[in-house]
Amino acid sequence: MRQLVAAMVLVAALASCTNGGPAQLLETARFEELQRNLPHARKLYREVVAAYPDTPQATEARARLAAIGEGDGAAAPAQP
């Protein structure tokens, strides 16, 4: 439980950074997906795609969005 709390604090701190870049956003999205917070994970994946469309991180974000669904209620299980 302590590790989960520590991880959540770390993610919150990282997410508050103003210019984390695509790697930072993608890492936070992965964490949110693992925590089953799919609406927030989708939001972050979409942000990566919109802000950094030609990066490897955007490619991965698109793949994760396809895997977890676009939020229409037909989401697939999270797969890290």
PDB file of N, CA and C in Angstrom:
ATOM      1  N   MET A   1       0.821  -1.191   0.000  1.00  0.00           N
ATOM      2  CA  MET A   1       0.000   0.000   0.000  1.00  0.00           C
ATOM      3  C   MET A   1       0.866   1.257   0.000  1.00  0.00           C
ATOM      4  N   ARG A   2       1.966   1.236   0.735  1.00  0.00           N
ATOM      5  CA  ARG A   2       2.860   2.400   0.753  1.00  0.00           C
ATOM      6  C   ARG A   2       3.424   2.688  -0.624  1.00  0.00           C
ATOM      7  N   GLN A   3       3.740   1.616  -1.357  1.00  0.00           N
ATOM      8  CA  GLN A   3       4.290   1.804  -2.696  1.00  0.00           C
ATOM      9  C   GLN A   3       3.256   2.458  -3.612  1.00  0.00           C
ATOM     10  N   LEU A   4       2.010   2.070  -3.477  1.00  0.00           N
ATOM     11  CA  LEU A   4       0.959   2.666  -4.289  1.00  0.00           C
ATOM     12  C   LEU A   4       0.814   4.147  -3.970  1.00  0.00           C
ATOM     13  N   VAL A   5       0.814   4.477  -2.704  1.00  0.00           N
ATOM     14  CA  VAL A   5       0.699   5.880  -2.300  1.00  0.00           C
ATOM     15  C   VAL A   5       1.899   6.668  -2.814  1.00  0.00           C
ATOM     16  N   ALA A   6       3.082   6.112  -2.690  1.00  0.00           N
ATOM     17  CA  ALA A   6       4.284   6.788  -3.177  1.00  0.00           C
ATOM     18  C   ALA A   6       4.220   6.985  -4.689  1.00  0.00           C
ATOM     19  N   ALA A   7       3.754   5.977  -5.396  1.00  0.00           N
ATOM     20  CA  ALA A   7       3.629   6.089  -6.853  1.00  0.00           C
ATOM     21  C   ALA A   7       2.616   7.158  -7.233  1.00  0.00           C
ATOM     22  N   MET A   8       1.514   7.215  -6.498  1.00  0.00           N
ATOM     23  CA  MET A   8       0.493   8.216  -6.789  1.00  0.00           C
ATOM     24  C   MET A   8       1.016   9.628  -6.536  1.00  0.00           C
ATOM     25  N   VAL A   9       1.777   9.800  -5.484  1.00  0.00           N
ATOM     26  CA  VAL A   9       2.370  11.100  -5.186  1.00  0.00           C
ATOM     27  C   VAL A   9       3.344  11.484  -6.293  1.00  0.00           C
ATOM     28  N   LEU A  10       4.146  10.525  -6.733  1.00  0.00           N
ATOM     29  CA  LEU A  10       5.104  10.779  -7.803  1.00  0.00           C
ATOM     30  C   LEU A  10       4.388  11.175  -9.088  1.00  0.00           C
ATOM     31  N   VAL A  11       3.348  10.454  -9.452  1.00  0.00           N
ATOM     32  CA  VAL A  11       2.608  10.773 -10.665  1.00  0.00           C
ATOM     33  C   VAL A  11       1.970  12.145 -10.557  1.00  0.00           C
ATOM     34  N   ALA A  12       1.413  12.463  -9.420  1.00  0.00           N
ATOM     35  CA  ALA A  12       0.805  13.782  -9.233  1.00  0.00           C
ATOM     36  C   ALA A  12       1.851  14.882  -9.383  1.00  0.00           C
ATOM     37  N   ALA A  13       3.014  14.663  -8.837  1.00  0.00           N
ATOM     38  CA  ALA A  13       4.089  15.651  -8.952  1.00  0.00           C
ATOM     39  C   ALA A  13       4.531  15.794 -10.400  1.00  0.00           C
ATOM     40  N   LEU A  14       4.663  14.675 -11.077  1.00  0.00           N
ATOM     41  CA  LEU A  14       5.090  14.721 -12.471  1.00  0.00           C
ATOM     42  C   LEU A  14       4.029  15.369 -13.349  1.00  0.00           C
ATOM     43  N   ALA A  15       2.788  15.085 -13.091  1.00  0.00           N
ATOM     44  CA  ALA A  15       1.703  15.646 -13.891  1.00  0.00           C
ATOM     45  C   ALA A  15       1.582  17.151 -13.698  1.00  0.00           C
ATOM     46  N   SER A  16       2.037  17.645 -12.577  1.00  0.00           N
ATOM     47  CA  SER A  16       1.937  19.075 -12.323  1.00  0.00           C
ATOM     48  C   SER A  16       3.026  19.868 -13.026  1.00  0.00           C
ATOM     49  N   CYS A  17       4.012  19.191 -13.576  1.00  0.00           N
ATOM     50  CA  CYS A  17       5.058  19.876 -14.328  1.00  0.00           C
ATOM     51  C   CYS A  17       4.441  20.513 -15.562  1.00  0.00           C
ATOM     52  N   THR A  18       4.846  21.722 -15.876  1.00  0.00           N
ATOM     53  CA  THR A  18       4.222  22.426 -16.981  1.00  0.00           C
ATOM     54  C   THR A  18       4.703  21.946 -18.340  1.00  0.00           C
ATOM     55  N   ASN A  19       5.906  21.434 -18.438  1.00  0.00           N
ATOM     56  CA  ASN A  19       6.421  21.028 -19.740  1.00  0.00           C
ATOM     57  C   ASN A  19       7.094  19.673 -19.626  1.00  0.00           C
ATOM     58  N   GLY A  20       6.295  18.653 -19.371  1.00  0.00           N
ATOM     59  CA  GLY A  20       6.848  17.324 -19.203  1.00  0.00           C
ATOM     60  C   GLY A  20       7.210  16.643 -20.497  1.00  0.00           C
ATOM     61  N   GLY A  21       6.638  17.091 -21.595  1.00  0.00           N
ATOM     62  CA  GLY A  21       6.912  16.497 -22.879  1.00  0.00           C
ATOM     63  C   GLY A  21       6.155  15.201 -23.083  1.00  0.00           C
ATOM     64  N   PRO A  22       6.331  14.614 -24.269  1.00  0.00           N
ATOM     65  CA  PRO A  22       5.550  13.428 -24.608  1.00  0.00           C
ATOM     66  C   PRO A  22       5.865  12.212 -23.737  1.00  0.00           C
ATOM     67  N   ALA A  23       7.105  12.031 -23.354  1.00  0.00           N
ATOM     68  CA  ALA A  23       7.459  10.873 -22.527  1.00  0.00           C
ATOM     69  C   ALA A  23       6.794  10.962 -21.163  1.00  0.00           C
ATOM     70  N   GLN A  24       6.767  12.141 -20.603  1.00  0.00           N
ATOM     71  CA  GLN A  24       6.145  12.371 -19.299  1.00  0.00           C
ATOM     72  C   GLN A  24       4.642  12.097 -19.356  1.00  0.00           C
ATOM     73  N   LEU A  25       3.998  12.645 -20.367  1.00  0.00           N
ATOM     74  CA  LEU A  25       2.554  12.433 -20.515  1.00  0.00           C
ATOM     75  C   LEU A  25       2.226  10.958 -20.726  1.00  0.00           C
ATOM     76  N   LEU A  26       3.023  10.303 -21.551  1.00  0.00           N
ATOM     77  CA  LEU A  26       2.781   8.894 -21.824  1.00  0.00           C
ATOM     78  C   LEU A  26       2.951   8.052 -20.562  1.00  0.00           C
ATOM     79  N   GLU A  27       3.965   8.339 -19.789  1.00  0.00           N
ATOM     80  CA  GLU A  27       4.193   7.593 -18.556  1.00  0.00           C
ATOM     81  C   GLU A  27       3.031   7.779 -17.583  1.00  0.00           C
ATOM     82  N   THR A  28       2.540   8.995 -17.479  1.00  0.00           N
ATOM     83  CA  THR A  28       1.410   9.256 -16.596  1.00  0.00           C
ATOM     84  C   THR A  28       0.161   8.537 -17.102  1.00  0.00           C
ATOM     85  N   ALA A  29      -0.048   8.542 -18.408  1.00  0.00           N
ATOM     86  CA  ALA A  29      -1.192   7.836 -18.991  1.00  0.00           C
ATOM     87  C   ALA A  29      -1.109   6.336 -18.714  1.00  0.00           C
ATOM     88  N   ARG A  30       0.071   5.771 -18.840  1.00  0.00           N
ATOM     89  CA  ARG A  30       0.253   4.343 -18.538  1.00  0.00           C
ATOM     90  C   ARG A  30      -0.124   4.051 -17.090  1.00  0.00           C
ATOM     91  N   PHE A  31       0.340   4.905 -16.186  1.00  0.00           N
ATOM     92  CA  PHE A  31       0.032   4.712 -14.773  1.00  0.00           C
ATOM     93  C   PHE A  31      -1.469   4.781 -14.533  1.00  0.00           C
ATOM     94  N   GLU A  32      -2.114   5.769 -15.135  1.00  0.00           N
ATOM     95  CA  GLU A  32      -3.565   5.899 -14.972  1.00  0.00           C
ATOM     96  C   GLU A  32      -4.279   4.664 -15.515  1.00  0.00           C
ATOM     97  N   GLU A  33      -3.806   4.141 -16.617  1.00  0.00           N
ATOM     98  CA  GLU A  33      -4.405   2.930 -17.178  1.00  0.00           C
ATOM     99  C   GLU A  33      -4.232   1.751 -16.230  1.00  0.00           C
ATOM    100  N   LEU A  34      -3.053   1.605 -15.673  1.00  0.00           N
ATOM    101  CA  LEU A  34      -2.811   0.518 -14.720  1.00  0.00           C
ATOM    102  C   LEU A  34      -3.683   0.649 -13.479  1.00  0.00           C
ATOM    103  N   GLN A  35      -4.011   1.862 -13.110  1.00  0.00           N
ATOM    104  CA  GLN A  35      -4.876   2.102 -11.954  1.00  0.00           C
ATOM    105  C   GLN A  35      -6.354   1.988 -12.326  1.00  0.00           C
ATOM    106  N   ARG A  36      -6.616   1.663 -13.580  1.00  0.00           N
ATOM    107  CA  ARG A  36      -7.973   1.503 -14.112  1.00  0.00           C
ATOM    108  C   ARG A  36      -8.744   2.821 -14.151  1.00  0.00           C
ATOM    109  N   ASN A  37      -8.010   3.924 -14.211  1.00  0.00           N
ATOM    110  CA  ASN A  37      -8.623   5.236 -14.394  1.00  0.00           C
ATOM    111  C   ASN A  37      -8.615   5.523 -15.895  1.00  0.00           C
ATOM    112  N   LEU A  38      -9.437   4.766 -16.612  1.00  0.00           N
ATOM    113  CA  LEU A  38      -9.412   4.821 -18.072  1.00  0.00           C
ATOM    114  C   LEU A  38      -9.829   6.171 -18.652  1.00  0.00           C
ATOM    115  N   PRO A  39     -10.795   6.873 -18.083  1.00  0.00           N
ATOM    116  CA  PRO A  39     -11.111   8.190 -18.650  1.00  0.00           C
ATOM    117  C   PRO A  39      -9.910   9.141 -18.626  1.00  0.00           C
ATOM    118  N   HIS A  40      -9.178   9.150 -17.531  1.00  0.00           N
ATOM    119  CA  HIS A  40      -8.012  10.032 -17.456  1.00  0.00           C
ATOM    120  C   HIS A  40      -6.889   9.525 -18.354  1.00  0.00           C
ATOM    121  N   ALA A  41      -6.697   8.214 -18.414  1.00  0.00           N
ATOM    122  CA  ALA A  41      -5.678   7.648 -19.312  1.00  0.00           C
ATOM    123  C   ALA A  41      -5.976   8.050 -20.754  1.00  0.00           C
ATOM    124  N   ARG A  42      -7.238   7.918 -21.163  1.00  0.00           N
ATOM    125  CA  ARG A  42      -7.613   8.300 -22.530  1.00  0.00           C
ATOM    126  C   ARG A  42      -7.314   9.777 -22.793  1.00  0.00           C
ATOM    127  N   LYS A  43      -7.666  10.616 -21.822  1.00  0.00           N
ATOM    128  CA  LYS A  43      -7.424  12.055 -21.965  1.00  0.00           C
ATOM    129  C   LYS A  43      -5.938  12.331 -22.183  1.00  0.00           C
ATOM    130  N   LEU A  44      -5.092  11.681 -21.393  1.00  0.00           N
ATOM    131  CA  LEU A  44      -3.658  11.894 -21.514  1.00  0.00           C
ATOM    132  C   LEU A  44      -3.106  11.321 -22.815  1.00  0.00           C
ATOM    133  N   TYR A  45      -3.580  10.131 -23.215  1.00  0.00           N
ATOM    134  CA  TYR A  45      -3.144   9.571 -24.495  1.00  0.00           C
ATOM    135  C   TYR A  45      -3.528  10.510 -25.642  1.00  0.00           C
ATOM    136  N   ARG A  46      -4.755  11.040 -25.587  1.00  0.00           N
ATOM    137  CA  ARG A  46      -5.191  11.967 -26.633  1.00  0.00           C
ATOM    138  C   ARG A  46      -4.345  13.233 -26.640  1.00  0.00           C
ATOM    139  N   GLU A  47      -3.954  13.675 -25.471  1.00  0.00           N
ATOM    140  CA  GLU A  47      -3.104  14.863 -25.370  1.00  0.00           C
ATOM    141  C   GLU A  47      -1.741  14.608 -26.016  1.00  0.00           C
ATOM    142  N   VAL A  48      -1.187  13.439 -25.791  1.00  0.00           N
ATOM    143  CA  VAL A  48       0.094  13.081 -26.421  1.00  0.00           C
ATOM    144  C   VAL A  48      -0.053  13.123 -27.941  1.00  0.00           C
ATOM    145  N   VAL A  49      -1.120  12.504 -28.451  1.00  0.00           N
ATOM    146  CA  VAL A  49      -1.340  12.453 -29.900  1.00  0.00           C
ATOM    147  C   VAL A  49      -1.521  13.852 -30.481  1.00  0.00           C
ATOM    148  N   ALA A  50      -2.301  14.686 -29.796  1.00  0.00           N
ATOM    149  CA  ALA A  50      -2.578  16.029 -30.303  1.00  0.00           C
ATOM    150  C   ALA A  50      -1.356  16.948 -30.247  1.00  0.00           C
ATOM    151  N   ALA A  51      -0.624  16.882 -29.151  1.00  0.00           N
ATOM    152  CA  ALA A  51       0.487  17.814 -28.953  1.00  0.00           C
ATOM    153  C   ALA A  51       1.790  17.358 -29.612  1.00  0.00           C
ATOM    154  N   TYR A  52       1.958  16.044 -29.756  1.00  0.00           N
ATOM    155  CA  TYR A  52       3.212  15.494 -30.270  1.00  0.00           C
ATOM    156  C   TYR A  52       2.931  14.414 -31.319  1.00  0.00           C
ATOM    157  N   PRO A  53       2.233  14.763 -32.409  1.00  0.00           N
ATOM    158  CA  PRO A  53       1.721  13.744 -33.330  1.00  0.00           C
ATOM    159  C   PRO A  53       2.773  12.902 -34.047  1.00  0.00           C
ATOM    160  N   ASP A  54       3.959  13.408 -34.232  1.00  0.00           N
ATOM    161  CA  ASP A  54       4.972  12.689 -35.005  1.00  0.00           C
ATOM    162  C   ASP A  54       6.046  12.034 -34.144  1.00  0.00           C
ATOM    163  N   THR A  55       5.704  11.734 -32.916  1.00  0.00           N
ATOM    164  CA  THR A  55       6.687  11.127 -32.009  1.00  0.00           C
ATOM    165  C   THR A  55       6.375   9.646 -31.797  1.00  0.00           C
ATOM    166  N   PRO A  56       7.388   8.890 -31.357  1.00  0.00           N
ATOM    167  CA  PRO A  56       7.128   7.493 -30.998  1.00  0.00           C
ATOM    168  C   PRO A  56       6.092   7.372 -29.877  1.00  0.00           C
ATOM    169  N   GLN A  57       6.065   8.355 -28.996  1.00  0.00           N
ATOM    170  CA  GLN A  57       5.091   8.332 -27.903  1.00  0.00           C
ATOM    171  C   GLN A  57       3.668   8.450 -28.446  1.00  0.00           C
ATOM    172  N   ALA A  58       3.467   9.254 -29.477  1.00  0.00           N
ATOM    173  CA  ALA A  58       2.135   9.374 -30.083  1.00  0.00           C
ATOM    174  C   ALA A  58       1.724   8.059 -30.734  1.00  0.00           C
ATOM    175  N   THR A  59       2.673   7.383 -31.345  1.00  0.00           N
ATOM    176  CA  THR A  59       2.384   6.078 -31.938  1.00  0.00           C
ATOM    177  C   THR A  59       1.907   5.110 -30.874  1.00  0.00           C
ATOM    178  N   GLU A  60       2.602   5.089 -29.741  1.00  0.00           N
ATOM    179  CA  GLU A  60       2.188   4.209 -28.644  1.00  0.00           C
ATOM    180  C   GLU A  60       0.844   4.648 -28.060  1.00  0.00           C
ATOM    181  N   ALA A  61       0.648   5.951 -27.927  1.00  0.00           N
ATOM    182  CA  ALA A  61      -0.620   6.451 -27.385  1.00  0.00           C
ATOM    183  C   ALA A  61      -1.789   6.045 -28.280  1.00  0.00           C
ATOM    184  N   ARG A  62      -1.605   6.119 -29.586  1.00  0.00           N
ATOM    185  CA  ARG A  62      -2.666   5.683 -30.510  1.00  0.00           C
ATOM    186  C   ARG A  62      -2.974   4.205 -30.314  1.00  0.00           C
ATOM    187  N   ALA A  63      -1.927   3.410 -30.151  1.00  0.00           N
ATOM    188  CA  ALA A  63      -2.108   1.968 -29.951  1.00  0.00           C
ATOM    189  C   ALA A  63      -2.848   1.688 -28.644  1.00  0.00           C
ATOM    190  N   ARG A  64      -2.515   2.408 -27.584  1.00  0.00           N
ATOM    191  CA  ARG A  64      -3.187   2.205 -26.307  1.00  0.00           C
ATOM    192  C   ARG A  64      -4.648   2.633 -26.394  1.00  0.00           C
ATOM    193  N   LEU A  65      -4.922   3.734 -27.092  1.00  0.00           N
ATOM    194  CA  LEU A  65      -6.308   4.163 -27.274  1.00  0.00           C
ATOM    195  C   LEU A  65      -7.104   3.097 -28.023  1.00  0.00           C
ATOM    196  N   ALA A  66      -6.495   2.500 -29.023  1.00  0.00           N
ATOM    197  CA  ALA A  66      -7.173   1.436 -29.764  1.00  0.00           C
ATOM    198  C   ALA A  66      -7.427   0.236 -28.857  1.00  0.00           C
ATOM    199  N   ALA A  67      -6.486  -0.053 -27.968  1.00  0.00           N
ATOM    200  CA  ALA A  67      -6.604  -1.221 -27.094  1.00  0.00           C
ATOM    201  C   ALA A  67      -7.639  -1.020 -25.989  1.00  0.00           C
ATOM    202  N   ILE A  68      -7.715   0.178 -25.430  1.00  0.00           N
ATOM    203  CA  ILE A  68      -8.635   0.397 -24.305  1.00  0.00           C
ATOM    204  C   ILE A  68      -9.963   0.990 -24.756  1.00  0.00           C
ATOM    205  N   GLY A  69     -10.083   1.319 -26.004  1.00  0.00           N
ATOM    206  CA  GLY A  69     -11.316   1.896 -26.507  1.00  0.00           C
ATOM    207  C   GLY A  69     -11.319   3.402 -26.384  1.00  0.00           C
ATOM    208  N   GLU A  70     -12.193   4.005 -27.110  1.00  0.00           N
ATOM    209  CA  GLU A  70     -12.258   5.471 -27.152  1.00  0.00           C
ATOM    210  C   GLU A  70     -13.205   6.058 -26.119  1.00  0.00           C
ATOM    211  N   GLY A  71     -13.733   5.225 -25.223  1.00  0.00           N
ATOM    212  CA  GLY A  71     -14.597   5.747 -24.186  1.00  0.00           C
ATOM    213  C   GLY A  71     -16.062   5.549 -24.474  1.00  0.00           C
ATOM    214  N   ASP A  72     -16.379   4.667 -25.390  1.00  0.00           N
ATOM    215  CA  ASP A  72     -17.768   4.445 -25.757  1.00  0.00           C
ATOM    216  C   ASP A  72     -18.421   3.347 -24.942  1.00  0.00           C
ATOM    217  N   GLY A  73     -17.750   2.922 -23.874  1.00  0.00           N
ATOM    218  CA  GLY A  73     -18.292   1.867 -23.032  1.00  0.00           C
ATOM    219  C   GLY A  73     -17.845   0.483 -23.434  1.00  0.00           C
ATOM    220  N   ALA A  74     -17.105   0.379 -24.532  1.00  0.00           N
ATOM    221  CA  ALA A  74     -16.638  -0.920 -25.026  1.00  0.00           C
ATOM    222  C   ALA A  74     -15.143  -1.072 -24.806  1.00  0.00           C
ATOM    223  N   ALA A  75     -14.649  -0.559 -23.705  1.00  0.00           N
ATOM    224  CA  ALA A  75     -13.208  -0.579 -23.450  1.00  0.00           C
ATOM    225  C   ALA A  75     -12.716  -1.989 -23.210  1.00  0.00           C
ATOM    226  N   ALA A  76     -11.550  -2.260 -23.748  1.00  0.00           N
ATOM    227  CA  ALA A  76     -10.889  -3.531 -23.531  1.00  0.00           C
ATOM    228  C   ALA A  76     -10.143  -3.466 -22.203  1.00  0.00           C
ATOM    229  N   PRO A  77      -9.777  -4.605 -21.622  1.00  0.00           N
ATOM    230  CA  PRO A  77      -8.990  -4.575 -20.385  1.00  0.00           C
ATOM    231  C   PRO A  77      -7.633  -3.934 -20.623  1.00  0.00           C
ATOM    232  N   ALA A  78      -7.102  -3.300 -19.591  1.00  0.00           N
ATOM    233  CA  ALA A  78      -5.788  -2.677 -19.697  1.00  0.00           C
ATOM    234  C   ALA A  78      -4.722  -3.724 -19.920  1.00  0.00           C
ATOM    235  N   GLN A  79      -3.796  -3.399 -20.811  1.00  0.00           N
ATOM    236  CA  GLN A  79      -2.662  -4.269 -21.097  1.00  0.00           C
ATOM    237  C   GLN A  79      -1.413  -3.413 -21.135  1.00  0.00           C
ATOM    238  N   PRO A  80      -0.568  -3.496 -20.130  1.00  0.00           N
ATOM    239  CA  PRO A  80       0.621  -2.621 -20.105  1.00  0.00           C
ATOM    240  C   PRO A  80       1.580  -2.907 -21.221  1.00  0.00           C
TER     241      PRO A  80
END
